[in-house]
Amino acid sequence: MYQTDMYEGMVAETITMHGANGDVINAYFARPLGAGPFPGIVLIHHLPGWDEWYREATRKFAHHGYLALSPNLYSREGHGTPEDVAAQVRAAGGVADEQAMGDVGGAMQYLRSLPTCNGKVGVFGTCSGGRQTALVASRVPGFDAAIDCWGGRVVMGQEELTAKQPVAPIDYTKDLMCPLLGLFGEEDQAPTLAQVDQHEAALKAHGKAYEFHRYAGAGHGFFYYDRPAYRQEQAVDGWQKVFTFLATHLST
C-alpha cells in the first residue's frame, strides 16, 4: 500500500532481448528501483502495434511494483511509426503464432534471470495480445498467471485458420498451465459474448482456474483512454481486478 513518505523510483528504457529462434528484438522494460525482489510481467501489445499506450501500460505495472517487459513482436518487420509498421504486419497476415510464443517466452526468461525477480512471472495482453496470452498460457511453460483483455479469435472457425495461426487457442484449453483472468466488454464483436461463453465453458470442462468478468456498456478496447472506446468506470474496475489477480498469484 502506497504511503506518502515512501521512496519511489523507476527506470524505463528500450532494451534488446532474444526472442524466437534466438533473434535479437527490441523491447520496452520498466522496473522499480530497489533490491526487490519483484514479480515480473510480460505485456503482449495489440494489433495496432507496439505503441505509446503499451509503453505507458508497461510503466504502470512498474509503478505497481512489477518488472515489466513489453517485447516488440513486430521488430522483424523493420521500424517506423507504430501505425506504419502495424499496417505492414496486418498486410502480411499478422505475426505467426510460433514466433509470438518464442518472443514472449524469451521475455519471460529474461525477467526470470534477473537477480531482482522473485521468480514469478505473469503475462498480460489486449486485443490480439489477449489472444496470444491465451495461447502462451497453454503452450509456453513457466508463466504463473495470465490476463486476457478482450482477446478476439481465441475461438476461431475452420475458415479463419491460416498457416500463421493454424490452431484456435481455445483448442489448447486442456493444456492451460496457469490461472487466467479474462476481461470483456458486453458490446464487443471480437470476441462476442457467445465466444466468451464458449471459452468459459471449455475452461470449466477442463477444470481450469479462471476468472471472467463481462462489462455492460463497454465494447472492444475499453481501457484505451485515447480512443472513443474508452469507458472510465469499467476501465478503473478492470485495472483493479488486474492488480488484485496478480497480487494473488505472483506474490511470494
Foldseek 3Di string as FASTA:
>chain_A
DDDPPDDWDKDWDKDWFQFPPRDIFIKIWMATDDLALFAEEEEEEALLFPADVVSVVQNVVRRVGYGYMYTGLLRVQDDDHSNVSSVVQVVVVHAFLSRVLRRRLRVLVVQCPDSSHPQAYEYEYFACSLQSQLQNQQPPPRHAETERELYAQLPDDCVPADPRRNDRSLVSLLRRDYEYEYEAEQAEVRPHVVVVVVSVVSNVVNVHHYHYDYHYPAYGPCLPPVDPRHDVVSNVVVVVVVVVVCCVGRDD
